[in-house]
Protein backbone atom coordinates (compact mmCIF):
# COMPACT_ATOMS: atom_id res chain seq x y z
CA MET A 1 -10.58 13.91 -2.44
CA GLU A 2 -7.88 16.52 -3.05
CA HIS A 3 -6.11 16.33 -6.28
CA ALA A 4 -2.59 16.08 -4.46
CA LEU A 5 -3.91 13.31 -2.19
CA PHE A 6 -5.36 11.27 -4.94
CA TRP A 7 -1.72 11.24 -6.81
CA GLU A 8 -0.01 10.39 -3.74
CA SER A 9 -2.47 7.70 -2.77
CA LEU A 10 -2.09 6.25 -6.34
CA VAL A 11 1.67 6.10 -6.17
CA ILE A 12 1.61 4.25 -2.75
CA PHE A 13 -1.13 1.92 -3.97
CA SER A 14 0.73 1.26 -7.07
CA ALA A 15 4.08 0.65 -4.97
CA GLY A 16 2.23 -1.60 -2.74
CA ALA A 17 0.62 -3.77 -5.66
CA LEU A 18 4.30 -3.83 -7.28
CA LEU A 19 5.46 -5.16 -3.85
CA VAL A 20 2.95 -7.76 -3.63
CA CYS A 21 3.40 -9.17 -7.12
CA VAL A 22 7.21 -9.31 -6.74
CA GLY A 23 6.89 -10.93 -3.33
CA PHE A 24 4.31 -13.45 -4.61
CA SER A 25 6.63 -14.59 -7.43
CA ARG A 26 9.43 -14.84 -4.79
CA ARG A 27 7.60 -16.48 -2.06
CA ASP A 28 9.91 -19.50 -1.69
CA ASN A 29 12.50 -17.03 -0.25
CA THR A 30 12.52 -15.10 2.92
CA SER A 31 12.75 -11.74 1.06
CA GLY A 32 9.74 -12.60 -0.99
CA ILE A 33 7.68 -12.93 2.14
CA VAL A 34 9.19 -9.69 3.20
CA LEU A 35 8.05 -7.97 0.17
CA LEU A 36 4.68 -9.31 0.53
CA TRP A 37 4.28 -7.88 4.02
CA MET A 38 5.74 -4.63 2.89
CA GLY A 39 3.05 -4.44 0.01
CA ALA A 40 0.37 -5.44 2.54
CA ALA A 41 1.34 -2.64 4.98
CA CYS A 42 1.34 -0.08 2.15
CA MET A 43 -2.17 -1.05 1.25
CA LEU A 44 -3.27 -0.91 5.07
CA ALA A 45 -1.43 2.42 5.63
CA LEU A 46 -3.64 3.66 2.94
CA VAL A 47 -6.80 2.35 4.34
CA PHE A 48 -6.06 3.70 7.92
CA TYR A 49 -4.95 7.16 6.75
CA LEU A 50 -7.62 7.77 4.08
CA ILE A 51 -10.74 6.61 5.74
CA PRO A 52 -10.73 8.68 8.96
CA LYS A 53 -9.55 11.62 6.59
CA LEU A 54 -12.38 11.14 4.38
CA LEU A 55 -14.72 10.99 7.28
CA HIS A 56 -13.44 14.11 8.70
CA LEU A 57 -12.14 12.44 11.99
CA THR A 58 -8.75 14.02 11.89
């Protein structure tokens, strides 16, 4: 994995994990559920971006 790609992925992963943690602590409100979904979207975006890139499909 490229050096720059690693750090960008780490930042997106950290932001997603933070959103999931904050959203889980506020899961009683609608805003907490939105934060959970945003965190999950960050994680899935990494998966759907990195796997084809690592397999040289793009």
